Amino acid sequence: MEYEPMARTFHKHPRLPGRDYTRGAYFVTICAYRRGEIFGRIIGSGSTAKMELNDAGLIVQDRWNAIPEHHPGTRLDQLQIMPDHLHAILVLDPPTGPAPQRSTLGIDTAGAFNSLRARPKGPPPGSLGAIIAAFKSVTTKRINAAMRRTSGSIWQLGYHERIIRRQGGEYARIVQYIAENPVNWR
């Protein structure tokens, strides 16, 4: 039998090329690792169904609500945490005027302190990607600590986002979808 090398596969980047993800309204979905139901459970059924958060879910809610404290110009609208994912609307309106001073310092390879810069291949500071990455990082650390684990994945890689268009009532439809998510659970 002759060896045939596997064809290379390339990951299609889900973000729009040339899109500035530092402003606009976004419908975001972030899924738990392997869609594990780790944030709580749905209680009730039909129109009375609602989400009951456990400790991990409360950490997610707390850290989501803290996003504007750490990312100026970010407004939170809807949030619905489900057993294995969350849906939310984030609105990014970058602050105007001089850039805020960062309190975090980086260390270059020579060991000297310098101001924090964007990673060469990472999302730009203040962008949707940077905000989601920071959120996922802090919630993973806190949930693992609460579970007395030194490591472990909480979130799937990446996230889903949809740019919310201003015309056509799309915003209202997304708000309704998020609010009704517990009712429509499985």
Protein backbone atom coordinates (compact mmCIF):
# COMPACT_ATOMS: atom_id res chain seq x y z
CA MET A 1 0.00 0.00 0.00
CA GLU A 2 1.36 3.36 -0.96
CA TYR A 3 1.49 6.24 1.52
CA GLU A 4 -0.69 9.19 0.53
CA PRO A 5 -0.11 12.39 2.45
CA MET A 6 -3.20 14.01 3.88
CA ALA A 7 -4.39 17.10 2.10
CA ARG A 8 -3.77 20.27 4.03
CA THR A 9 -6.82 21.80 5.57
CA PHE A 10 -7.04 25.43 6.44
CA HIS A 11 -9.17 26.96 9.13
CA LYS A 12 -11.44 29.61 7.66
CA HIS A 13 -11.24 32.67 9.86
CA PRO A 14 -14.80 33.50 10.98
CA ARG A 15 -14.30 37.26 11.29
CA LEU A 16 -14.92 39.59 8.38
CA PRO A 17 -11.71 40.84 6.77
CA GLY A 18 -11.30 44.57 7.14
CA ARG A 19 -14.06 44.83 9.78
CA ASP A 20 -13.25 47.02 12.77
CA TYR A 21 -14.39 44.94 15.74
CA THR A 22 -13.83 47.83 18.17
CA ARG A 23 -17.24 49.40 17.53
CA GLY A 24 -20.77 48.25 16.85
CA ALA A 25 -23.38 45.98 18.40
CA TYR A 26 -22.73 42.24 18.51
CA PHE A 27 -24.83 39.19 19.29
CA VAL A 28 -22.38 36.79 20.95
CA THR A 29 -22.66 33.08 21.75
CA ILE A 30 -19.97 31.37 23.82
CA CYS A 31 -20.23 27.61 24.40
CA ALA A 32 -18.98 25.51 27.29
CA TYR A 33 -16.26 22.99 26.56
CA ARG A 34 -17.80 19.95 24.87
CA ARG A 35 -21.18 21.58 25.54
CA GLY A 36 -21.00 20.39 29.13
CA GLU A 37 -23.93 21.59 31.23
CA ILE A 38 -21.78 23.29 33.86
CA PHE A 39 -23.49 26.64 34.52
CA GLY A 40 -26.74 25.46 36.11
CA ARG A 41 -30.04 23.99 35.04
CA ILE A 42 -33.38 24.95 33.58
CA ILE A 43 -36.21 24.74 36.08
CA GLY A 44 -39.87 24.79 35.15
CA SER A 45 -41.21 24.17 31.68
CA GLY A 46 -42.97 26.00 28.92
CA SER A 47 -43.50 29.68 29.59
CA THR A 48 -42.34 29.31 33.24
CA ALA A 49 -38.93 27.86 32.35
CA LYS A 50 -36.00 29.80 33.74
CA MET A 51 -32.33 29.29 34.32
CA GLU A 52 -31.10 28.48 37.82
CA LEU A 53 -27.39 29.35 38.00
CA ASN A 54 -24.98 27.25 40.04
CA ASP A 55 -21.65 28.57 41.41
CA ALA A 56 -19.96 28.40 37.99
CA GLY A 57 -22.91 30.20 36.41
CA LEU A 58 -22.78 32.91 39.07
CA ILE A 59 -19.07 33.44 38.35
CA VAL A 60 -19.85 33.79 34.64
CA GLN A 61 -22.64 36.29 35.38
CA ASP A 62 -20.46 38.31 37.76
CA ARG A 63 -17.50 38.52 35.36
CA TRP A 64 -19.76 39.34 32.39
CA ASN A 65 -21.31 42.21 34.32
CA ALA A 66 -17.79 43.46 35.19
CA ILE A 67 -16.74 43.80 31.53
CA PRO A 68 -17.46 47.58 31.31
CA GLU A 69 -15.21 48.19 34.35
CA HIS A 70 -12.26 46.72 32.45
CA HIS A 71 -13.14 47.77 28.89
CA PRO A 72 -14.18 51.43 28.66
CA GLY A 73 -16.79 52.13 26.01
CA THR A 74 -18.39 48.69 26.34
CA ARG A 75 -22.10 48.51 27.12
CA LEU A 76 -23.88 45.31 28.04
CA ASP A 77 -27.42 44.75 26.90
CA GLN A 78 -28.97 41.29 27.07
CA LEU A 79 -27.42 38.27 28.78
CA GLN A 80 -28.80 34.76 29.08
CA ILE A 81 -26.63 32.09 30.61
CA MET A 82 -27.80 28.60 29.72
CA PRO A 83 -26.58 25.25 31.10
CA ASP A 84 -23.97 24.87 28.33
CA HIS A 85 -23.59 28.29 26.68
CA LEU A 86 -24.39 31.96 26.95
CA HIS A 87 -25.99 34.47 24.61
CA ALA A 88 -25.41 38.18 25.01
CA ILE A 89 -25.43 41.53 23.27
CA LEU A 90 -22.34 43.72 23.60
CA VAL A 91 -22.22 47.26 22.26
CA LEU A 92 -18.77 48.74 21.67
CA ASP A 93 -18.47 52.52 21.59
CA PRO A 94 -14.77 53.31 21.98
CA PRO A 95 -14.10 56.29 24.24
CA THR A 96 -13.21 59.51 22.48
CA GLY A 97 -10.25 61.67 23.37
CA PRO A 98 -6.80 60.58 24.49
CA ALA A 99 -6.25 56.86 25.02
CA PRO A 100 -6.68 55.82 28.65
CA GLN A 101 -3.51 54.98 30.53
CA ARG A 102 -3.02 51.26 31.04
CA SER A 103 -2.04 50.11 34.49
CA THR A 104 -0.73 46.75 33.28
CA LEU A 105 2.93 46.57 32.34
CA GLY A 106 4.59 44.05 30.09
CA ILE A 107 8.16 42.83 30.32
CA ASP A 108 10.21 42.56 27.15
CA THR A 109 12.73 39.82 26.54
CA ALA A 110 15.56 41.95 27.96
CA GLY A 111 13.64 42.21 31.25
CA ALA A 112 12.90 45.95 30.97
CA PHE A 113 9.37 47.19 31.62
CA ASN A 114 7.44 48.63 28.73
CA SER A 115 3.87 49.57 28.00
CA LEU A 116 1.46 46.79 27.10
CA ARG A 117 1.15 46.16 23.39
CA ALA A 118 -1.16 44.00 21.35
CA ARG A 119 0.12 40.52 20.68
CA PRO A 120 1.49 40.25 17.14
CA LYS A 121 -1.18 37.73 16.14
CA GLY A 122 -3.81 38.42 18.76
CA PRO A 123 -6.89 40.62 18.66
CA PRO A 124 -6.38 44.38 18.99
CA PRO A 125 -6.88 45.77 22.52
CA GLY A 126 -10.48 46.91 23.05
CA SER A 127 -11.80 44.74 20.22
CA LEU A 128 -14.57 42.19 20.60
CA GLY A 129 -12.01 39.39 20.38
CA ALA A 130 -9.85 40.86 23.14
CA ILE A 131 -12.88 41.36 25.40
CA ILE A 132 -14.13 37.80 24.89
CA ALA A 133 -10.61 36.38 25.40
CA ALA A 134 -10.21 38.27 28.69
CA PHE A 135 -13.68 37.18 29.85
CA LYS A 136 -13.02 33.52 29.02
CA SER A 137 -9.63 33.65 30.73
CA VAL A 138 -10.83 35.14 34.02
CA THR A 139 -13.92 32.92 34.23
CA THR A 140 -11.83 29.80 33.53
CA LYS A 141 -9.38 30.72 36.30
CA ARG A 142 -12.12 31.50 38.81
CA ILE A 143 -14.27 28.47 38.04
CA ASN A 144 -11.25 26.16 38.21
CA ALA A 145 -10.24 27.70 41.54
CA ALA A 146 -13.80 27.28 42.88
CA MET A 147 -13.71 23.63 41.77
CA ARG A 148 -10.27 23.24 43.37
CA ARG A 149 -8.69 22.36 40.03
CA THR A 150 -5.33 23.63 38.82
CA SER A 151 -6.43 23.57 35.18
CA GLY A 152 -9.21 22.49 32.89
CA SER A 153 -11.12 23.87 29.96
CA ILE A 154 -14.35 25.69 30.65
CA TRP A 155 -15.01 27.12 27.18
CA GLN A 156 -14.86 25.82 23.63
CA LEU A 157 -12.29 27.49 21.42
CA GLY A 158 -13.54 30.65 19.76
CA TYR A 159 -17.02 32.12 19.92
CA HIS A 160 -19.82 33.03 17.55
CA GLU A 161 -20.74 36.61 16.83
CA ARG A 162 -23.16 38.37 14.60
CA ILE A 163 -22.94 42.04 13.80
CA ILE A 164 -26.37 43.46 14.61
CA ARG A 165 -27.66 45.60 11.79
CA ARG A 166 -29.50 48.77 12.67
CA GLN A 167 -32.37 48.46 10.22
CA GLY A 168 -35.10 45.88 9.88
CA GLY A 169 -35.84 45.20 13.55
CA GLU A 170 -32.96 42.75 13.91
CA TYR A 171 -31.98 44.05 17.36
CA ALA A 172 -35.48 43.45 18.76
CA ARG A 173 -35.61 39.92 17.28
CA ILE A 174 -32.27 39.03 18.87
CA VAL A 175 -33.36 40.45 22.25
CA GLN A 176 -36.49 38.28 22.07
CA TYR A 177 -34.49 35.20 21.06
CA ILE A 178 -32.13 35.65 24.02
CA ALA A 179 -34.98 36.22 26.48
CA GLU A 180 -36.88 33.14 25.25
CA ASN A 181 -33.87 30.83 25.27
CA PRO A 182 -34.81 29.03 28.55
CA VAL A 183 -38.37 28.43 27.27
CA ASN A 184 -36.99 26.83 24.10
CA TRP A 185 -34.36 24.72 25.88
CA ARG A 186 -34.34 21.25 24.31
